[in-house]
Amino acid sequence: MYDFLRRIFLSNSLSKWFVSITIEKALITSSTFWIGKLLMSFEKARPIRNYLGLFVGSLLGSQLANIYCKMFLKDANADSLKAFHHEFQNNHRNQARNFNNQELKSEREPNITGGEGAKFISGSIEYMTKGITNMAGVTFGLITVALAANNKMVLASFMASPLLAFAVIKAAEKKLEQAYSVSQKARKHLSHISGMVWDNVTVSNEYNYQIYYKASEAALKAIKDTAANAERILRFSTFFAALLAYAPILFSVIYSIQGSKSNNRGGGRLSTKSLLIGSTLQQQISIFQSFYELCASISQWNIFISSAGLIYKSIAPLGQGDLATTPATISWDLLRFKGTQSSSYNQLEHLGSEIRVMDYGRITITGDNGSGKTTVLTHLKDQFGSQAFYLPTFSKLAFESTKGSKLSSGQEFKARLQEIIDNVKCKFIFLDEWDATLSISNREALDEVINKFAEDAVVVEVSHRQPSL
């Protein structure tokens, strides 16, 4: 799982973003420190040129770093999406035997074609970068306050605060996961109900429509209630976590100001150190907000890992227990072969070995529906790999000749076949019921083309009819 996340999200762009956000947060928090130094210089009537320059420079530098952050974040999204597509492709290459597995296809393809993978990538990038941003804001903010206070108690509070926050988050963790689980079930139920919308609304049988309407309203209400409950648990638990985490720091800062005031010979007038600490008050508000958002991110970690697990499972390599591991049935006794040494076989390896030694020819596989003709072709494709080209009956295989064109089935197949002849350098061509939707004239014309092609290559075809060869 963690290797999957590393392969998807760790990129040069994300590393550059991390450096940029670190610089940005460091410069923003340092600007607060320079304001304090400016106040101290005013108080002591000292030159302010240097601190003013540092203040302006930190503001301009933070904005420039922010620009690079946004650029690198866009690149990181694109890089992760590319890596996600490559992960899917690498895990499913050379698995023609799964081409017609509709159950497996409906389970896995939506993550690429339906945008589920893209949503996961963008949501994960947002989740991780938001957490890192808030962590950087808290870290540099607390360092600034600690330096301004120049007090060991503040530094000690800085170290102890995360432990308090973590304790509150762990206490609410189980309840939060349960709330999100209930919310996810409500969303799945709504998705199921939504799949009925077209038929029930367009047909408009009052009886069916009322049943659908009541079910959809109940599902929508469940979505609202469960999502609100999950959000309520998340926000209140993280608020108390942030409050407990920041309380020791705030107490230490107030104590430091009081101590500075009592030690001041001015008799109640705030010292320059108190002014320096006071200049960080706005920064402390930002620290608390960042603490709050950081606690929220930490609370959602297990939910994020759970979502990542579901996405990974849908694109991971197929293994034991997967839908595709169940071997498809081949009824060898119902299949007939023409163009081979034997008219019947009982093993794919035997048939594949015979085809492999052929220099040219046309082999036709015939048989009843459901006897396993297509299964034989797809398994042969997996055996031969890149040495073979497989053209299914119906597919969305990418071709240059038919890209964006509106052709009849006969014209489309003819254009694709010619493109295969002209551009594909494979010795073995597997055609699956290419003549199923063709007119007699188109079928006869293309039959001759395939005969001619079979003079230089090995063509293995599945057909319901006997070939002219």
Protein backbone atom coordinates (compact mmCIF):
# COMPACT_ATOMS: atom_id res chain seq x y z
CA MET A 1 0.00 0.00 0.00
CA TYR A 2 2.65 2.52 1.06
CA ASP A 3 4.80 1.55 -1.93
CA PHE A 4 1.78 2.30 -4.15
CA LEU A 5 1.38 5.76 -2.56
CA ARG A 6 5.10 6.42 -2.93
CA ARG A 7 5.07 5.48 -6.63
CA ILE A 8 2.02 7.64 -7.31
CA PHE A 9 2.75 10.77 -5.32
CA LEU A 10 6.50 11.16 -4.83
CA SER A 11 7.78 13.22 -7.75
CA ASN A 12 10.28 15.99 -8.43
CA SER A 13 7.39 18.44 -8.67
CA LEU A 14 6.12 17.54 -5.20
CA SER A 15 9.66 17.85 -3.80
CA LYS A 16 9.96 21.31 -5.35
CA TRP A 17 6.58 22.23 -3.90
CA PHE A 18 7.74 21.09 -0.46
CA VAL A 19 10.86 23.29 -0.65
CA SER A 20 8.77 26.24 -1.86
CA ILE A 21 6.12 25.93 0.86
CA THR A 22 8.83 25.62 3.51
CA ILE A 23 10.47 28.83 2.27
CA GLU A 24 7.10 30.59 2.04
CA LYS A 25 6.06 29.72 5.60
CA ALA A 26 9.51 30.56 6.97
CA LEU A 27 9.43 34.00 5.32
CA ILE A 28 5.84 34.74 6.39
CA THR A 29 6.52 33.92 10.02
CA SER A 30 9.85 35.75 9.99
CA SER A 31 8.05 38.92 8.84
CA THR A 32 6.23 38.91 12.21
CA PHE A 33 9.57 38.71 14.00
CA TRP A 34 10.91 41.65 12.01
CA ILE A 35 7.84 43.73 12.97
CA GLY A 36 8.72 43.11 16.61
CA LYS A 37 12.28 44.19 15.97
CA LEU A 38 10.98 47.34 14.27
CA LEU A 39 8.90 48.16 17.37
CA MET A 40 11.91 47.65 19.57
CA SER A 41 13.97 49.95 17.34
CA PHE A 42 11.28 52.64 17.55
CA GLU A 43 11.19 52.22 21.32
CA LYS A 44 14.93 52.70 21.65
CA ALA A 45 15.16 55.32 18.87
CA ARG A 46 17.47 53.17 16.81
CA PRO A 47 17.72 53.06 12.98
CA ILE A 48 15.00 50.91 11.43
CA ARG A 49 16.39 50.61 7.90
CA ASN A 50 17.75 47.08 8.26
CA TYR A 51 14.65 45.61 9.91
CA LEU A 52 12.37 47.43 7.50
CA GLY A 53 14.32 45.95 4.59
CA LEU A 54 14.13 42.46 6.10
CA PHE A 55 10.38 42.85 6.68
CA VAL A 56 9.67 43.98 3.10
CA GLY A 57 12.03 41.34 1.71
CA SER A 58 10.30 38.56 3.67
CA LEU A 59 6.87 39.66 2.37
CA LEU A 60 8.01 39.85 -1.26
CA GLY A 61 9.96 36.60 -0.96
CA SER A 62 6.96 34.76 0.53
CA GLN A 63 4.74 35.89 -2.36
CA LEU A 64 7.30 34.75 -4.91
CA ALA A 65 7.57 31.38 -3.13
CA ASN A 66 3.75 31.15 -3.17
CA ILE A 67 3.74 31.59 -6.97
CA TYR A 68 6.19 28.71 -7.35
CA CYS A 69 4.12 26.64 -4.88
CA LYS A 70 1.04 26.91 -7.08
CA MET A 71 3.03 26.08 -10.23
CA PHE A 72 4.71 23.04 -8.68
CA LEU A 73 1.39 21.86 -7.20
CA LYS A 74 -0.21 21.80 -10.67
CA ASP A 75 2.78 19.84 -11.97
CA ALA A 76 2.56 17.42 -9.03
CA ASN A 77 -1.11 16.75 -9.81
CA ALA A 78 -0.29 16.04 -13.44
CA ASP A 79 2.70 13.83 -12.53
CA SER A 80 0.64 11.81 -10.05
CA LEU A 81 -2.19 11.31 -12.53
CA LYS A 82 0.33 10.14 -15.12
CA ALA A 83 1.89 7.73 -12.61
CA PHE A 84 -1.59 6.44 -11.72
CA HIS A 85 -2.36 5.69 -15.38
CA HIS A 86 1.01 3.99 -15.80
CA GLU A 87 0.33 1.88 -12.70
CA PHE A 88 -2.96 0.71 -14.19
CA GLN A 89 -1.36 -0.01 -17.58
CA ASN A 90 1.61 -1.90 -16.14
CA ASN A 91 -0.66 -4.08 -13.99
CA HIS A 92 -3.02 -5.01 -16.83
CA ARG A 93 -0.77 -5.32 -19.89
CA ASN A 94 -0.78 -8.63 -21.77
CA GLN A 95 -3.98 -9.91 -20.20
CA ALA A 96 -6.13 -10.44 -23.27
CA ARG A 97 -7.86 -13.32 -21.47
CA ASN A 98 -9.58 -10.66 -19.32
CA PHE A 99 -10.75 -8.61 -22.30
CA ASN A 100 -14.31 -9.97 -22.22
CA ASN A 101 -14.53 -10.25 -18.43
CA GLN A 102 -17.32 -7.68 -18.00
CA GLU A 103 -17.48 -8.05 -14.22
CA LEU A 104 -13.79 -7.29 -13.87
CA LYS A 105 -14.01 -4.49 -16.43
CA SER A 106 -16.90 -2.78 -14.63
CA GLU A 107 -14.96 -3.02 -11.36
CA ARG A 108 -11.70 -1.57 -12.61
CA GLU A 109 -12.24 0.55 -15.73
CA PRO A 110 -14.22 3.40 -14.03
CA ASN A 111 -11.11 4.39 -12.10
CA ILE A 112 -9.58 5.44 -15.42
CA THR A 113 -12.52 6.30 -17.68
CA GLY A 114 -15.01 7.46 -15.04
CA GLY A 115 -12.69 9.90 -13.31
CA GLU A 116 -12.60 8.08 -9.95
CA GLY A 117 -8.82 7.84 -10.17
CA ALA A 118 -8.49 11.54 -11.05
CA LYS A 119 -10.71 12.47 -8.09
CA PHE A 120 -8.59 10.32 -5.80
CA ILE A 121 -5.37 11.90 -7.07
CA SER A 122 -6.57 15.51 -6.73
CA GLY A 123 -8.18 14.81 -3.34
CA SER A 124 -5.06 13.07 -2.03
CA ILE A 125 -2.74 15.82 -3.24
CA GLU A 126 -4.99 18.39 -1.57
CA TYR A 127 -5.11 16.37 1.66
CA MET A 128 -1.33 15.84 1.85
CA THR A 129 -0.30 19.35 0.85
CA LYS A 130 -2.83 20.91 3.21
CA GLY A 131 -1.46 18.84 6.08
CA ILE A 132 2.15 19.72 5.24
CA THR A 133 1.27 23.41 4.82
CA ASN A 134 -0.39 23.55 8.24
CA MET A 135 2.46 21.62 9.82
CA ALA A 136 4.96 24.12 8.40
CA GLY A 137 2.78 27.03 9.58
CA VAL A 138 2.60 25.64 13.11
CA THR A 139 6.31 24.79 13.26
CA PHE A 140 7.68 28.12 12.00
CA GLY A 141 5.03 30.07 13.89
CA LEU A 142 5.94 28.45 17.19
CA ILE A 143 9.64 28.95 16.54
CA THR A 144 8.96 32.66 15.95
CA VAL A 145 6.95 32.99 19.17
CA ALA A 146 9.57 31.04 21.12
CA LEU A 147 12.37 33.28 19.82
CA ALA A 148 10.34 36.40 20.60
CA ALA A 149 9.57 35.20 24.14
CA ASN A 150 13.13 33.94 24.64
CA ASN A 151 11.74 31.64 27.29
CA LYS A 152 12.47 27.96 27.90
CA MET A 153 8.89 27.41 29.08
CA VAL A 154 7.57 28.38 25.64
CA LEU A 155 10.00 25.98 24.02
CA ALA A 156 8.94 23.19 26.40
CA SER A 157 5.27 23.89 25.64
CA PHE A 158 6.09 23.75 21.95
CA MET A 159 7.39 20.20 22.44
CA ALA A 160 4.50 19.03 24.68
CA SER A 161 1.59 20.46 22.63
CA PRO A 162 1.49 17.77 19.90
CA LEU A 163 1.18 15.06 22.56
CA LEU A 164 -1.99 16.64 23.96
CA ALA A 165 -3.45 17.04 20.49
CA PHE A 166 -2.62 13.45 19.60
CA ALA A 167 -4.34 12.16 22.75
CA VAL A 168 -7.61 13.92 21.88
CA ILE A 169 -7.46 12.74 18.26
CA LYS A 170 -6.89 9.11 19.28
CA ALA A 171 -9.83 9.34 21.69
CA ALA A 172 -12.19 10.42 18.88
CA GLU A 173 -10.63 8.24 16.16
CA LYS A 174 -12.93 5.19 16.41
CA LYS A 175 -16.09 7.29 16.59
CA LEU A 176 -14.99 9.32 13.58
CA GLU A 177 -14.23 6.20 11.50
CA GLN A 178 -17.64 4.76 12.32
CA ALA A 179 -19.35 7.99 11.29
CA TYR A 180 -17.48 8.06 7.97
CA SER A 181 -18.28 4.39 7.36
CA VAL A 182 -22.00 5.06 7.82
CA SER A 183 -21.70 8.08 5.51
CA GLN A 184 -19.99 5.99 2.81
CA LYS A 185 -22.73 3.34 2.99
CA ALA A 186 -25.34 6.08 2.55
CA ARG A 187 -23.49 7.34 -0.54
CA LYS A 188 -23.36 3.85 -2.04
CA HIS A 189 -27.08 3.41 -1.44
CA LEU A 190 -27.78 6.76 -3.13
CA SER A 191 -25.63 5.70 -6.08
CA HIS A 192 -27.72 2.54 -6.42
CA ILE A 193 -30.98 4.51 -6.26
CA SER A 194 -29.65 7.08 -8.75
CA GLY A 195 -29.04 4.29 -11.25
CA MET A 196 -32.83 3.92 -11.49
CA VAL A 197 -33.55 7.59 -12.24
CA TRP A 198 -33.69 7.47 -16.04
CA ASP A 199 -36.19 4.65 -16.38
CA ASN A 200 -38.51 5.78 -13.58
CA VAL A 201 -38.58 9.44 -14.60
CA THR A 202 -38.90 9.01 -18.37
CA VAL A 203 -41.43 6.14 -18.34
CA SER A 204 -43.38 7.90 -15.56
CA ASN A 205 -45.54 5.05 -14.38
CA GLU A 206 -47.03 6.70 -11.29
CA TYR A 207 -46.72 3.56 -9.18
CA ASN A 208 -43.02 2.98 -10.01
CA TYR A 209 -42.22 6.70 -9.84
CA GLN A 210 -43.64 7.08 -6.32
CA ILE A 211 -41.60 4.13 -5.06
CA TYR A 212 -38.47 5.58 -6.67
CA TYR A 213 -39.21 9.11 -5.39
CA LYS A 214 -39.64 7.98 -1.77
CA ALA A 215 -36.47 5.87 -1.95
CA SER A 216 -34.41 8.71 -3.45
CA GLU A 217 -35.68 11.26 -0.90
CA ALA A 218 -34.83 8.89 1.95
CA ALA A 219 -31.36 8.28 0.48
CA LEU A 220 -30.70 12.03 0.08
CA LYS A 221 -31.79 12.68 3.68
CA ALA A 222 -29.50 9.89 4.89
CA ILE A 223 -26.61 11.46 2.97
CA LYS A 224 -27.26 14.83 4.59
CA ASP A 225 -27.61 13.44 8.13
CA THR A 226 -24.64 11.05 8.05
CA ALA A 227 -22.30 13.55 6.36
CA ALA A 228 -23.27 16.25 8.87
CA ASN A 229 -22.70 13.89 11.79
CA ALA A 230 -19.25 12.85 10.50
CA GLU A 231 -18.28 16.48 9.92
CA ARG A 232 -19.53 17.48 13.39
CA ILE A 233 -17.43 14.80 15.09
CA LEU A 234 -14.38 15.75 13.04
CA ARG A 235 -14.62 19.49 13.64
CA PHE A 236 -15.39 19.40 17.37
CA SER A 237 -12.73 16.79 18.13
CA THR A 238 -10.10 18.72 16.17
CA PHE A 239 -11.16 22.01 17.78
CA PHE A 240 -10.64 20.61 21.28
CA ALA A 241 -7.39 18.97 20.16
CA ALA A 242 -6.09 22.27 18.81
CA LEU A 243 -7.30 24.14 21.89
CA LEU A 244 -5.58 21.74 24.28
CA ALA A 245 -2.45 21.76 22.14
CA TYR A 246 -2.20 25.53 22.04
CA ALA A 247 -3.23 26.26 25.64
CA PRO A 248 0.21 25.54 27.18
CA ILE A 249 1.89 27.75 24.58
CA LEU A 250 -0.53 30.62 25.19
CA PHE A 251 -0.09 30.25 28.95
CA SER A 252 3.70 30.33 28.57
CA VAL A 253 3.57 33.44 26.40
CA ILE A 254 1.31 35.27 28.86
CA TYR A 255 3.57 34.20 31.72
CA SER A 256 6.59 35.49 29.79
CA ILE A 257 4.89 38.87 29.19
CA GLN A 258 3.93 39.16 32.87
CA GLY A 259 7.44 38.30 33.93
CA SER A 260 8.88 40.86 31.53
CA LYS A 261 6.44 43.50 32.83
CA SER A 262 7.26 42.89 36.50
CA ASN A 263 10.99 43.05 35.83
CA ASN A 264 10.67 46.32 33.95
CA ARG A 265 11.90 49.29 35.95
CA GLY A 266 9.32 51.53 34.31
CA GLY A 267 6.79 50.40 36.89
CA GLY A 268 4.09 48.74 34.84
CA ARG A 269 5.10 49.95 31.40
CA LEU A 270 5.59 47.14 28.91
CA SER A 271 9.21 46.36 28.10
CA THR A 272 10.61 46.06 24.60
CA LYS A 273 10.55 42.29 25.05
CA SER A 274 6.83 42.46 25.80
CA LEU A 275 6.35 44.53 22.66
CA LEU A 276 8.22 41.89 20.69
CA ILE A 277 5.99 39.14 22.10
CA GLY A 278 2.88 41.27 21.54
CA SER A 279 3.78 41.68 17.87
CA THR A 280 3.33 37.91 17.49
CA LEU A 281 -0.33 37.91 18.63
CA GLN A 282 -1.61 37.86 15.04
CA GLN A 283 0.86 35.09 14.30
CA GLN A 284 -0.48 33.16 17.28
CA ILE A 285 -4.01 33.33 15.85
CA SER A 286 -2.64 31.86 12.61
CA ILE A 287 -0.84 29.18 14.62
CA PHE A 288 -4.07 28.16 16.32
CA GLN A 289 -5.89 28.00 12.96
CA SER A 290 -3.08 25.91 11.49
CA PHE A 291 -3.14 23.69 14.59
CA TYR A 292 -6.87 23.18 14.09
CA GLU A 293 -6.53 22.22 10.40
CA LEU A 294 -3.50 20.03 11.13
CA CYS A 295 -5.47 18.12 13.78
CA ALA A 296 -8.28 17.65 11.25
CA SER A 297 -5.81 16.20 8.73
CA ILE A 298 -4.34 13.84 11.30
CA SER A 299 -7.85 12.71 12.32
CA GLN A 300 -8.60 11.78 8.71
CA TRP A 301 -5.41 9.77 8.16
CA ASN A 302 -7.00 6.34 8.61
CA ILE A 303 -9.89 7.35 6.35
CA PHE A 304 -7.40 8.49 3.70
CA ILE A 305 -5.50 5.17 3.92
CA SER A 306 -8.79 3.26 3.66
CA SER A 307 -9.75 5.17 0.49
CA ALA A 308 -6.28 4.64 -0.95
CA GLY A 309 -6.64 0.92 -0.25
CA LEU A 310 -9.89 0.72 -2.22
CA ILE A 311 -8.35 2.54 -5.19
CA TYR A 312 -5.21 0.40 -5.06
CA LYS A 313 -7.27 -2.79 -4.96
CA SER A 314 -9.07 -1.74 -8.14
CA ILE A 315 -5.87 -1.24 -10.16
CA ALA A 316 -3.47 -3.66 -8.45
CA PRO A 317 -2.08 -6.72 -10.25
CA LEU A 318 -4.54 -9.59 -10.35
CA GLY A 319 -3.85 -12.34 -7.83
CA GLN A 320 -5.45 -15.29 -6.11
CA GLY A 321 -9.12 -14.73 -5.45
CA ASP A 322 -9.58 -12.09 -8.14
CA LEU A 323 -12.37 -12.34 -10.67
CA ALA A 324 -9.98 -13.12 -13.51
CA THR A 325 -8.27 -16.03 -11.79
CA THR A 326 -11.26 -18.29 -12.50
CA PRO A 327 -10.32 -20.02 -15.76
CA ALA A 328 -12.78 -19.51 -18.60
CA THR A 329 -14.38 -22.68 -19.94
CA ILE A 330 -13.24 -24.09 -23.28
CA SER A 331 -15.36 -26.92 -24.67
CA TRP A 332 -12.71 -28.50 -26.86
CA ASP A 333 -15.05 -31.22 -28.08
CA LEU A 334 -17.33 -28.56 -29.62
CA LEU A 335 -14.54 -26.69 -31.45
CA ARG A 336 -13.27 -27.42 -34.94
CA PHE A 337 -10.04 -26.20 -36.50
CA LYS A 338 -9.31 -25.74 -40.19
CA GLY A 339 -5.85 -24.96 -41.54
CA THR A 340 -4.01 -26.90 -38.85
CA GLN A 341 -2.59 -30.42 -38.77
CA SER A 342 -5.50 -31.62 -36.66
CA SER A 343 -9.18 -30.69 -36.70
CA SER A 344 -9.45 -30.82 -32.89
CA TYR A 345 -7.28 -30.09 -29.85
CA ASN A 346 -7.57 -30.40 -26.09
CA GLN A 347 -4.74 -28.14 -24.87
CA LEU A 348 -3.86 -24.50 -25.54
CA GLU A 349 -0.15 -25.27 -25.29
CA HIS A 350 -0.37 -27.92 -28.02
CA LEU A 351 -2.31 -25.58 -30.34
CA GLY A 352 0.02 -22.65 -29.58
CA SER A 353 3.13 -24.73 -30.27
CA GLU A 354 1.80 -25.78 -33.66
CA ILE A 355 0.87 -22.23 -34.66
CA ARG A 356 4.21 -20.86 -33.52
CA VAL A 357 6.21 -22.96 -36.01
CA MET A 358 4.05 -21.94 -38.98
CA ASP A 359 5.48 -19.42 -41.46
CA TYR A 360 2.15 -18.46 -43.02
CA GLY A 361 -1.42 -19.69 -43.40
CA ARG A 362 -5.00 -19.16 -42.31
CA ILE A 363 -6.51 -21.06 -39.40
CA THR A 364 -10.25 -20.90 -38.75
CA ILE A 365 -11.84 -21.87 -35.43
CA THR A 366 -15.55 -22.68 -35.52
CA GLY A 367 -18.00 -23.91 -32.90
CA ASP A 368 -21.25 -23.29 -31.11
CA ASN A 369 -21.91 -20.13 -29.12
CA GLY A 370 -20.35 -20.39 -25.67
CA SER A 371 -17.95 -23.15 -26.67
CA GLY A 372 -14.91 -20.93 -25.93
CA LYS A 373 -13.75 -19.74 -29.36
CA THR A 374 -12.91 -16.23 -28.15
CA THR A 375 -11.31 -17.64 -25.00
CA VAL A 376 -8.91 -19.66 -27.16
CA LEU A 377 -7.89 -16.50 -29.06
CA THR A 378 -7.37 -14.37 -25.95
CA HIS A 379 -5.28 -17.06 -24.25
CA LEU A 380 -3.21 -17.45 -27.42
CA LYS A 381 -2.64 -13.69 -27.42
CA ASP A 382 -1.33 -13.90 -23.86
CA GLN A 383 0.96 -16.79 -24.90
CA PHE A 384 2.36 -14.96 -27.92
CA GLY A 385 2.50 -11.49 -26.33
CA SER A 386 3.90 -8.78 -28.59
CA GLN A 387 4.49 -11.31 -31.39
CA ALA A 388 0.74 -11.39 -32.07
CA PHE A 389 -1.91 -8.80 -32.90
CA TYR A 390 -5.44 -9.44 -31.61
CA LEU A 391 -8.50 -7.69 -33.11
CA PRO A 392 -11.71 -8.34 -31.11
CA THR A 393 -15.18 -8.25 -32.64
CA PHE A 394 -16.14 -5.06 -30.80
CA SER A 395 -13.59 -2.89 -29.07
CA LYS A 396 -12.32 0.64 -28.50
CA LEU A 397 -8.81 -0.13 -29.70
CA ALA A 398 -7.07 3.01 -30.93
CA PHE A 399 -6.53 3.24 -34.70
CA GLU A 400 -5.34 6.19 -36.80
CA SER A 401 -7.51 5.34 -39.81
CA THR A 402 -10.84 5.42 -37.95
CA LYS A 403 -10.11 8.13 -35.38
CA GLY A 404 -13.10 10.47 -35.26
CA SER A 405 -14.61 9.03 -38.46
CA LYS A 406 -18.17 7.80 -38.98
CA LEU A 407 -17.90 4.68 -41.10
CA SER A 408 -20.08 1.64 -41.58
CA SER A 409 -18.93 -1.54 -39.85
CA GLY A 410 -17.63 -2.93 -43.15
CA GLN A 411 -15.73 0.25 -44.03
CA GLU A 412 -14.35 0.52 -40.53
CA PHE A 413 -13.06 -3.05 -40.46
CA LYS A 414 -11.56 -2.67 -43.94
CA ALA A 415 -9.73 0.52 -42.88
CA ARG A 416 -8.46 -1.11 -39.70
CA LEU A 417 -7.37 -4.28 -41.47
CA GLN A 418 -5.46 -2.25 -44.06
CA GLU A 419 -3.82 -0.26 -41.26
CA ILE A 420 -2.78 -3.52 -39.58
CA ILE A 421 -1.34 -4.83 -42.86
CA ASP A 422 0.57 -1.59 -43.50
CA ASN A 423 1.88 -0.84 -40.01
CA VAL A 424 1.81 -3.88 -37.71
CA LYS A 425 4.97 -5.95 -37.86
CA CYS A 426 3.59 -9.12 -36.27
CA LYS A 427 3.85 -12.59 -37.70
CA PHE A 428 0.58 -13.71 -36.05
CA ILE A 429 -2.77 -11.97 -36.51
CA PHE A 430 -5.80 -13.06 -34.45
CA LEU A 431 -9.22 -11.97 -35.77
CA ASP A 432 -12.30 -12.56 -33.59
CA GLU A 433 -15.52 -12.94 -35.66
CA TRP A 434 -14.51 -10.10 -37.96
CA ASP A 435 -17.33 -11.02 -40.36
CA ALA A 436 -20.13 -11.00 -37.76
CA THR A 437 -21.71 -7.68 -38.82
CA LEU A 438 -20.65 -7.45 -42.46
CA SER A 439 -22.80 -7.62 -45.55
CA ILE A 440 -22.19 -10.48 -48.00
CA SER A 441 -20.39 -8.21 -50.48
CA ASN A 442 -18.09 -6.69 -47.82
CA ARG A 443 -17.43 -10.11 -46.33
CA GLU A 444 -16.40 -11.61 -49.68
CA ALA A 445 -14.15 -8.65 -50.53
CA LEU A 446 -12.39 -8.70 -47.16
CA ASP A 447 -12.15 -12.49 -47.27
CA GLU A 448 -9.89 -12.12 -50.30
CA VAL A 449 -7.81 -9.48 -48.52
CA ILE A 450 -7.28 -11.83 -45.58
CA ASN A 451 -6.37 -14.70 -47.93
CA LYS A 452 -3.70 -12.54 -49.52
CA PHE A 453 -2.46 -11.40 -46.14
CA ALA A 454 -2.21 -15.06 -45.01
CA GLU A 455 0.39 -15.68 -47.74
CA ASP A 456 2.98 -13.82 -45.62
CA ALA A 457 1.63 -14.14 -42.09
CA VAL A 458 -0.29 -16.56 -39.88
CA VAL A 459 -3.93 -15.51 -39.52
CA VAL A 460 -6.00 -17.21 -36.81
CA GLU A 461 -9.68 -16.32 -37.00
CA VAL A 462 -12.83 -17.18 -35.12
CA SER A 463 -15.90 -17.57 -37.33
CA HIS A 464 -19.43 -18.97 -37.44
CA ARG A 465 -18.97 -19.91 -41.10
CA GLN A 466 -16.50 -21.93 -43.11
CA PRO A 467 -13.76 -19.90 -44.78
CA SER A 468 -13.22 -19.72 -48.53
CA LEU A 469 -9.65 -20.93 -48.15
